[in-house]
Amino acid sequence: MLNRIWVAFFVTALAAIMVQLFMGHWSVLADAVNALFSSAKLAAEIALGLIGVLALWMGLMRVGEKAGVVSVFARLFEPLLSRLMPEVPRGHRAYGSVTMNLTANVLGLDNAATPLGLKAMQDLQQLNPNKSVATNAQILFLVLNTSSVTLVPVTVFLYRAQQGAAAPADIFLPILLATTASTLVGILVVALFQRISLLNSVILAYGGLFFAGISALVFYLGTLSVAAIGELSTALGNGILLLLVFSFILVAGLRKVAVYDEFVAGAKEGFEQAIKLIPYLLAMLLAIALLRASGALDYLLSVIAALVQLLGGDTRFIDALPTAIMKPFSGSGARAMMLETMQYHGVDSFAGRLAAIVQGSTETTFYVLAVYFGAVGIRNGRHALACGLTADIAGICAAIFVCYQFYG
């Protein structure tokens, strides 16, 4: 699957370059060459930047497992996850690492989410009978990461505040609705592929608790100012992070675990993991960089705009589509597109708000796929990409819909 997708990216980029040359835009050749070398540099920078973070969290997770703290978190969500991942036996360590990763994502702890996700993927790989082909559990886990709900997207609020938004956090509810739609569609599509029944009392109970919690959070945050929301989110995230760290170390110490030795052993695994990621990151970033430099994504945007105009539809959302199109491919690229849209159309314009909602409602699917599957050597992702992109499309469509409802 990935082999065909990678070749398709190159074929598409080549076709776009040929069109550019036919139109006399010879600078595209230099842009494409620069993209090749810049993507190689970026892959190394990302992997090297992950070394310290991966070593830190892999070391802490090993201590937390030995102390039994991770198993406590696992028991909270094992009844739900065991029904969504029936091939994972009850009591397996993967439940703990998966729960820790999803918790970090929900709280917006980006620095912790990725290494915890890699640890979870490693634990799931232990149950994989065919090490190069993704299991059902790994696919579901990846889709949850590409569409996971972040309760308070503080970074998007900060970008809006920097651009002079009158109320930077007024898009909180639209983002929450859009990313919830993305997650639900992702789970539904995976369940369809894997023939998982979602109509059972345990899943419905967890779903009810989730929506009740979301409703209570929305109601509470609605009573706070923008500054208070930012302070609360930051304090909550940092507080939980420090609580995890100290609980791992102190409980391990009380249980006579060789804390230092276990941390070092886990950190070594994190270092090795970061180095292994470079080839996989390079392959995906290289293809994406060529797509951008060739102008292929711009052509796609033009085609969509022409179709909407032909059908007589409202084209205001077209101005925010660059962020939506770039989001599955590149997080930094989508962020740049969002800021460009805010600056050109205005941060509180329809397009400016929609770009921010899209930025906060989905994840970078191709990056997540390359990093998580690459970390464990999976080459055949089966239906993972299709499910992830379906969740992305659902999130983008939901973002457009709620933006029209709130601001249209």
Protein backbone atom coordinates (compact mmCIF):
# COMPACT_ATOMS: atom_id res chain seq x y z
CA MET A 1 0.00 0.00 0.00
CA LEU A 2 2.65 2.51 1.03
CA ASN A 3 4.76 1.58 -1.99
CA ARG A 4 1.92 2.48 -4.37
CA ILE A 5 1.09 5.68 -2.52
CA TRP A 6 4.72 6.79 -2.56
CA VAL A 7 5.04 6.21 -6.30
CA ALA A 8 1.71 8.01 -6.85
CA PHE A 9 3.07 11.07 -5.03
CA PHE A 10 6.10 11.17 -7.33
CA VAL A 11 4.02 10.65 -10.48
CA THR A 12 1.66 13.45 -9.42
CA ALA A 13 4.57 15.77 -8.63
CA LEU A 14 6.21 15.03 -11.99
CA ALA A 15 2.97 15.73 -13.86
CA ALA A 16 2.59 19.05 -12.03
CA ILE A 17 6.20 20.00 -12.80
CA MET A 18 5.64 19.25 -16.49
CA VAL A 19 2.57 21.50 -16.51
CA GLN A 20 4.56 24.27 -14.82
CA LEU A 21 7.33 23.96 -17.41
CA PHE A 22 4.79 24.04 -20.25
CA MET A 23 3.51 27.33 -18.81
CA GLY A 24 7.05 28.72 -18.72
CA HIS A 25 7.56 28.57 -14.95
CA TRP A 26 11.15 27.32 -15.01
CA SER A 27 11.70 28.19 -11.35
CA VAL A 28 9.78 25.03 -10.43
CA LEU A 29 12.91 23.01 -11.19
CA ALA A 30 14.90 24.86 -8.56
CA ASP A 31 11.98 24.63 -6.13
CA ALA A 32 11.79 20.85 -6.59
CA VAL A 33 15.53 20.36 -6.07
CA ASN A 34 15.48 22.56 -2.98
CA ALA A 35 12.55 20.52 -1.68
CA LEU A 36 14.58 17.31 -2.01
CA PHE A 37 17.45 18.54 0.12
CA SER A 38 15.32 20.51 2.60
CA SER A 39 13.17 17.43 3.29
CA ALA A 40 16.29 15.36 3.97
CA LYS A 41 17.50 17.98 6.43
CA LEU A 42 14.07 18.23 8.04
CA ALA A 43 13.82 14.45 8.55
CA ALA A 44 17.16 14.42 10.37
CA GLU A 45 16.23 17.46 12.46
CA ILE A 46 12.91 15.92 13.53
CA ALA A 47 14.49 12.59 14.41
CA LEU A 48 17.36 14.21 16.29
CA GLY A 49 14.91 16.48 18.09
CA LEU A 50 12.98 13.40 19.18
CA ILE A 51 16.03 11.71 20.71
CA GLY A 52 15.89 13.56 24.01
CA VAL A 53 12.10 13.44 24.31
CA LEU A 54 11.89 9.76 23.35
CA ALA A 55 14.71 8.81 25.71
CA LEU A 56 13.01 10.75 28.53
CA TRP A 57 9.56 9.22 28.13
CA MET A 58 10.67 5.71 27.25
CA GLY A 59 12.78 5.77 30.42
CA LEU A 60 9.93 7.10 32.54
CA MET A 61 7.45 4.63 31.05
CA ARG A 62 9.74 1.72 31.91
CA VAL A 63 9.95 2.96 35.51
CA GLY A 64 6.17 3.49 35.59
CA GLU A 65 5.56 -0.04 34.36
CA LYS A 66 7.88 -1.55 36.96
CA ALA A 67 6.18 0.53 39.65
CA GLY A 68 2.71 -0.64 38.57
CA VAL A 69 1.43 2.92 38.00
CA VAL A 70 0.82 2.39 34.28
CA SER A 71 -1.32 -0.68 35.03
CA VAL A 72 -3.59 1.51 37.17
CA PHE A 73 -4.29 3.73 34.14
CA ALA A 74 -4.77 0.64 31.99
CA ARG A 75 -7.53 -0.69 34.23
CA LEU A 76 -9.53 2.53 33.79
CA PHE A 77 -10.01 2.03 30.05
CA GLU A 78 -9.29 -1.66 29.54
CA PRO A 79 -13.03 -2.57 29.47
CA LEU A 80 -13.53 -0.16 26.53
CA LEU A 81 -10.28 -0.86 24.68
CA SER A 82 -10.67 -4.62 25.02
CA ARG A 83 -13.88 -4.38 23.00
CA LEU A 84 -12.37 -2.09 20.38
CA MET A 85 -9.17 -4.18 20.25
CA PRO A 86 -10.41 -7.74 20.86
CA GLU A 87 -7.12 -9.29 19.66
CA VAL A 88 -5.23 -7.72 22.60
CA PRO A 89 -5.50 -10.05 25.63
CA ARG A 90 -6.83 -8.67 28.89
CA GLY A 91 -4.10 -7.47 31.21
CA HIS A 92 -1.58 -6.84 28.42
CA ARG A 93 0.83 -3.93 28.90
CA ALA A 94 -0.39 -2.34 25.65
CA TYR A 95 -3.55 -1.12 27.38
CA GLY A 96 -1.49 1.02 29.71
CA SER A 97 0.65 2.64 27.02
CA VAL A 98 -2.34 3.20 24.72
CA THR A 99 -4.26 4.86 27.57
CA MET A 100 -1.28 7.07 28.43
CA ASN A 101 -0.92 8.19 24.81
CA LEU A 102 -4.61 8.99 24.35
CA THR A 103 -4.64 10.90 27.65
CA ALA A 104 -1.65 12.99 26.51
CA ASN A 105 -3.42 13.74 23.22
CA VAL A 106 -6.65 14.77 24.93
CA LEU A 107 -4.73 17.14 27.21
CA GLY A 108 -2.70 18.56 24.30
CA LEU A 109 0.62 17.34 25.70
CA ASP A 110 2.35 17.07 22.31
CA ASN A 111 5.84 16.49 23.70
CA ALA A 112 4.60 13.48 25.63
CA ALA A 113 2.01 12.15 23.17
CA THR A 114 4.41 11.10 20.40
CA PRO A 115 6.89 9.10 22.52
CA LEU A 116 4.02 7.52 24.45
CA GLY A 117 2.40 6.63 21.14
CA LEU A 118 5.59 5.00 19.90
CA LYS A 119 5.76 3.00 23.12
CA ALA A 120 2.17 1.88 22.62
CA MET A 121 2.87 0.86 19.03
CA GLN A 122 5.86 -1.20 20.21
CA ASP A 123 3.70 -2.96 22.80
CA LEU A 124 1.05 -3.74 20.18
CA GLN A 125 3.78 -5.00 17.84
CA GLN A 126 4.65 -7.70 20.36
CA LEU A 127 1.29 -9.31 19.56
CA ASN A 128 1.75 -9.00 15.81
CA PRO A 129 2.26 -12.41 14.12
CA ASN A 130 3.37 -10.75 10.85
CA LYS A 131 5.78 -7.97 11.83
CA SER A 132 5.59 -6.11 8.50
CA VAL A 133 1.76 -5.97 8.32
CA ALA A 134 -0.33 -3.78 10.63
CA THR A 135 -2.76 -5.54 12.98
CA ASN A 136 -6.34 -4.39 13.56
CA ALA A 137 -5.40 -2.98 16.97
CA GLN A 138 -2.49 -0.98 15.52
CA ILE A 139 -4.73 0.46 12.81
CA LEU A 140 -7.39 1.53 15.30
CA PHE A 141 -4.72 3.07 17.52
CA LEU A 142 -3.25 5.02 14.59
CA VAL A 143 -6.68 6.32 13.53
CA LEU A 144 -7.40 7.45 17.10
CA ASN A 145 -4.16 9.42 16.98
CA THR A 146 -4.86 11.03 13.61
CA SER A 147 -8.27 12.19 14.80
CA SER A 148 -7.97 12.37 18.57
CA VAL A 149 -9.86 14.99 20.52
CA THR A 150 -7.81 17.78 22.13
CA LEU A 151 -10.03 19.37 24.73
CA VAL A 152 -8.40 22.82 24.72
CA PRO A 153 -6.30 23.61 21.59
CA VAL A 154 -4.31 26.38 23.26
CA THR A 155 -1.79 26.77 20.41
CA VAL A 156 -4.55 27.69 17.94
CA PHE A 157 -5.88 30.24 20.44
CA LEU A 158 -2.40 31.72 20.78
CA TYR A 159 -2.01 32.10 17.01
CA ARG A 160 -5.36 33.88 16.84
CA ALA A 161 -4.38 36.14 19.72
CA GLN A 162 -1.08 37.02 18.00
CA GLN A 163 -3.02 37.96 14.88
CA GLY A 164 -5.23 40.33 16.88
CA ALA A 165 -8.45 38.31 17.20
CA ALA A 166 -11.16 40.03 19.23
CA ALA A 167 -11.93 36.78 21.10
CA PRO A 168 -9.20 34.20 20.36
CA ALA A 169 -11.03 31.35 22.09
CA ASP A 170 -14.44 31.87 20.48
CA ILE A 171 -13.71 28.97 18.11
CA PHE A 172 -13.34 26.50 21.00
CA LEU A 173 -16.76 24.88 20.56
CA PRO A 174 -16.54 24.63 16.73
CA ILE A 175 -13.13 22.94 17.05
CA LEU A 176 -14.43 20.54 19.68
CA LEU A 177 -17.43 19.61 17.52
CA ALA A 178 -15.30 19.14 14.41
CA THR A 179 -12.62 17.01 16.08
CA THR A 180 -15.30 14.93 17.84
CA ALA A 181 -16.90 14.26 14.46
CA SER A 182 -13.50 13.26 13.07
CA THR A 183 -12.89 10.82 15.92
CA LEU A 184 -16.35 9.26 15.74
CA VAL A 185 -16.13 8.77 11.97
CA GLY A 186 -12.64 7.28 12.35
CA ILE A 187 -13.90 4.76 14.91
CA LEU A 188 -16.97 3.93 12.81
CA VAL A 189 -14.93 3.35 9.64
CA VAL A 190 -12.42 1.13 11.46
CA ALA A 191 -15.28 -0.78 13.08
CA LEU A 192 -16.78 -1.30 9.62
CA PHE A 193 -13.53 -2.61 8.17
CA GLN A 194 -12.80 -4.80 11.19
CA ARG A 195 -16.42 -5.84 11.85
CA ILE A 196 -16.40 -4.56 15.42
CA SER A 197 -19.82 -4.22 17.04
CA LEU A 198 -20.16 -0.84 18.74
CA LEU A 199 -23.66 -1.54 20.07
CA ASN A 200 -22.80 -3.00 23.45
CA SER A 201 -23.37 -1.65 26.94
CA VAL A 202 -19.70 -1.01 27.77
CA ILE A 203 -18.95 1.10 24.67
CA LEU A 204 -22.24 2.99 25.01
CA ALA A 205 -21.54 3.66 28.70
CA TYR A 206 -18.08 5.06 28.01
CA GLY A 207 -19.53 7.12 25.15
CA GLY A 208 -22.19 8.55 27.44
CA LEU A 209 -19.60 9.48 30.07
CA PHE A 210 -17.44 11.08 27.39
CA PHE A 211 -20.21 13.28 26.04
CA ALA A 212 -21.35 14.20 29.53
CA GLY A 213 -17.79 15.24 30.40
CA ILE A 214 -17.46 17.25 27.19
CA SER A 215 -20.76 19.02 27.87
CA ALA A 216 -19.71 19.90 31.42
CA LEU A 217 -16.34 21.19 30.20
CA VAL A 218 -17.96 23.35 27.52
CA PHE A 219 -20.36 24.79 30.08
CA TYR A 220 -17.55 25.54 32.56
CA LEU A 221 -15.17 27.07 30.00
CA GLY A 222 -18.00 29.25 28.77
CA THR A 223 -17.91 31.04 32.12
CA LEU A 224 -14.18 31.87 31.85
CA SER A 225 -12.29 34.57 30.01
CA VAL A 226 -9.85 33.79 27.21
CA ALA A 227 -6.88 34.40 29.51
CA ALA A 228 -8.37 32.16 32.20
CA ILE A 229 -8.95 29.35 29.69
CA GLY A 230 -5.32 29.53 28.60
CA GLU A 231 -4.04 29.58 32.18
CA LEU A 232 -6.29 26.69 33.21
CA SER A 233 -5.27 24.55 30.25
CA THR A 234 -1.57 25.19 30.75
CA ALA A 235 -1.74 24.56 34.50
CA LEU A 236 -3.80 21.39 34.02
CA GLY A 237 -1.49 19.97 31.37
CA ASN A 238 1.73 20.76 33.24
CA GLY A 239 0.28 19.61 36.56
CA ILE A 240 -0.78 16.22 35.21
CA LEU A 241 2.56 15.80 33.48
CA LEU A 242 4.51 16.44 36.69
CA LEU A 243 2.11 14.23 38.66
CA LEU A 244 2.87 11.33 36.31
CA VAL A 245 6.62 11.85 36.55
CA PHE A 246 6.70 12.03 40.35
CA SER A 247 4.25 9.16 40.78
CA PHE A 248 6.39 6.93 38.54
CA ILE A 249 9.60 7.67 40.41
CA LEU A 250 8.28 7.79 43.98
CA VAL A 251 6.08 4.69 43.75
CA ALA A 252 8.92 2.80 42.07
CA GLY A 253 11.23 3.86 44.88
CA LEU A 254 8.76 2.67 47.53
CA ARG A 255 8.50 -0.70 45.78
CA LYS A 256 12.30 -1.11 45.79
CA VAL A 257 12.61 -0.86 41.99
CA ALA A 258 16.10 -0.09 40.67
CA VAL A 259 14.82 3.28 39.43
CA TYR A 260 18.03 4.62 37.91
CA ASP A 261 18.90 1.39 36.10
CA GLU A 262 15.39 0.96 34.71
CA PHE A 263 15.25 4.57 33.51
CA VAL A 264 18.58 4.26 31.72
CA ALA A 265 17.51 0.99 30.07
CA GLY A 266 14.31 2.61 28.82
CA ALA A 267 16.15 5.73 27.65
CA LYS A 268 18.50 3.57 25.57
CA GLU A 269 15.47 2.10 23.80
CA GLY A 270 14.21 5.62 23.10
CA PHE A 271 17.55 6.64 21.59
CA GLU A 272 17.59 3.62 19.29
CA GLN A 273 13.99 4.28 18.27
CA ALA A 274 14.70 7.87 17.23
CA ILE A 275 17.56 6.81 14.94
CA LYS A 276 15.41 4.12 13.31
CA LEU A 277 12.80 6.73 12.40
CA ILE A 278 15.02 8.74 10.02
CA PRO A 279 14.57 6.61 6.84
CA TYR A 280 10.79 6.43 7.26
CA LEU A 281 10.48 10.14 7.98
CA LEU A 282 12.72 10.98 5.04
CA ALA A 283 10.66 8.88 2.61
CA MET A 284 7.35 10.52 3.56
CA LEU A 285 8.68 14.08 3.91
CA LEU A 286 10.46 13.79 0.55
CA ALA A 287 7.27 12.88 -1.31
CA ILE A 288 5.22 15.57 0.45
CA ALA A 289 7.85 18.24 -0.21
CA LEU A 290 7.80 17.44 -3.93
CA LEU A 291 4.00 17.69 -3.99
CA ARG A 292 4.20 21.16 -2.47
CA ALA A 293 7.08 22.41 -4.59
CA SER A 294 5.57 21.12 -7.85
CA GLY A 295 2.35 23.05 -7.35
CA ALA A 296 0.21 19.88 -7.37
CA LEU A 297 -1.66 20.93 -4.24
CA ASP A 298 -2.40 24.35 -5.77
CA TYR A 299 -3.86 22.69 -8.85
CA LEU A 300 -6.10 20.55 -6.66
CA LEU A 301 -7.36 23.67 -4.91
CA SER A 302 -8.14 25.31 -8.27
CA VAL A 303 -10.12 22.27 -9.42
CA ILE A 304 -12.20 22.24 -6.23
CA ALA A 305 -12.93 25.97 -6.54
CA ALA A 306 -14.01 25.55 -10.18
CA LEU A 307 -16.35 22.67 -9.29
CA VAL A 308 -17.99 24.62 -6.44
CA GLN A 309 -18.51 27.64 -8.68
CA LEU A 310 -19.95 25.43 -11.43
CA LEU A 311 -22.47 23.98 -8.98
CA GLY A 312 -23.37 27.46 -7.73
CA GLY A 313 -22.23 26.79 -4.18
CA ASP A 314 -20.94 29.22 -1.55
CA THR A 315 -17.21 29.56 -2.24
CA ARG A 316 -16.19 31.36 0.95
CA PHE A 317 -14.74 28.16 2.39
CA ILE A 318 -12.35 27.86 -0.58
CA ASP A 319 -10.07 30.52 0.94
CA ALA A 320 -9.42 28.22 3.94
CA LEU A 321 -8.94 25.04 1.91
CA PRO A 322 -5.13 25.40 1.62
CA THR A 323 -4.95 24.65 5.37
CA ALA A 324 -7.35 21.71 4.98
CA ILE A 325 -5.47 20.22 2.03
CA MET A 326 -2.07 20.61 3.68
CA LYS A 327 -3.13 19.31 7.11
CA PRO A 328 -2.96 15.54 6.36
CA PHE A 329 0.50 16.00 4.82
CA SER A 330 2.39 18.53 6.93
CA GLY A 331 1.65 20.08 10.32
CA SER A 332 4.08 22.97 9.79
CA GLY A 333 2.78 23.50 6.25
CA ALA A 334 -0.83 23.65 7.47
CA ARG A 335 0.17 26.08 10.22
CA ALA A 336 1.84 28.35 7.66
CA MET A 337 -1.26 28.18 5.45
CA MET A 338 -3.48 29.06 8.43
CA LEU A 339 -1.38 32.10 9.35
CA GLU A 340 -1.29 33.23 5.73
CA THR A 341 -5.10 32.99 5.52
CA MET A 342 -5.48 34.96 8.75
CA GLN A 343 -3.15 37.69 7.56
CA TYR A 344 -4.69 38.01 4.09
CA HIS A 345 -8.40 37.70 4.92
CA GLY A 346 -8.36 38.79 8.55
CA VAL A 347 -8.17 36.70 11.70
CA ASP A 348 -11.89 37.14 12.46
CA SER A 349 -13.04 36.67 8.87
CA PHE A 350 -14.97 33.57 7.83
CA ALA A 351 -11.88 32.13 6.11
CA GLY A 352 -9.61 33.03 9.04
CA ARG A 353 -11.87 31.31 11.55
CA LEU A 354 -12.39 28.27 9.33
CA ALA A 355 -8.64 27.81 8.81
CA ALA A 356 -8.12 27.88 12.59
CA ILE A 357 -10.95 25.38 13.16
CA VAL A 358 -9.48 23.00 10.57
CA GLN A 359 -6.02 23.34 12.12
CA GLY A 360 -7.35 22.32 15.53
CA SER A 361 -9.70 19.55 14.41
CA THR A 362 -7.48 16.96 12.69
CA GLU A 363 -3.93 15.57 12.87
CA THR A 364 -1.17 15.12 10.29
CA THR A 365 -2.11 11.66 9.01
CA PHE A 366 0.86 10.91 6.76
CA TYR A 367 3.35 12.02 9.41
CA VAL A 368 1.68 9.89 12.09
CA LEU A 369 1.57 6.92 9.74
CA ALA A 370 5.25 7.27 8.79
CA VAL A 371 6.44 7.71 12.38
CA TYR A 372 4.29 5.12 14.15
CA PHE A 373 4.47 2.37 11.55
CA GLY A 374 8.09 3.17 10.73
CA ALA A 375 9.06 2.81 14.39
CA VAL A 376 8.09 -0.87 14.36
CA GLY A 377 8.98 -1.68 10.75
CA ILE A 378 5.46 -2.02 9.35
CA ARG A 379 5.38 -1.72 5.55
CA ASN A 380 1.79 -2.79 4.87
CA GLY A 381 -0.67 -0.55 6.67
CA ARG A 382 -3.72 -2.31 5.16
CA HIS A 383 -6.74 -0.01 5.62
CA ALA A 384 -5.03 2.40 8.06
CA LEU A 385 -4.50 5.22 5.54
CA ALA A 386 -8.02 4.94 4.12
CA CYS A 387 -9.55 5.12 7.60
CA GLY A 388 -7.26 7.96 8.68
CA LEU A 389 -8.00 10.06 5.60
CA THR A 390 -11.73 9.37 5.94
CA ALA A 391 -11.57 10.72 9.50
CA ASP A 392 -9.63 13.76 8.20
CA ILE A 393 -12.24 14.45 5.53
CA ALA A 394 -15.02 14.09 8.10
CA GLY A 395 -13.24 16.56 10.39
CA ILE A 396 -12.75 19.07 7.56
CA CYS A 397 -16.38 18.76 6.41
CA ALA A 398 -17.57 19.13 10.00
CA ALA A 399 -15.33 22.20 10.41
CA ILE A 400 -16.88 23.81 7.32
CA PHE A 401 -20.40 22.95 8.48
CA VAL A 402 -20.02 24.29 12.03
CA CYS A 403 -18.25 27.41 10.75
CA TYR A 404 -21.25 28.20 8.56
CA GLN A 405 -23.57 27.51 11.52
CA PHE A 406 -21.64 29.73 13.92
CA TYR A 407 -20.31 32.48 11.63
CA GLY A 408 -22.05 32.09 8.25
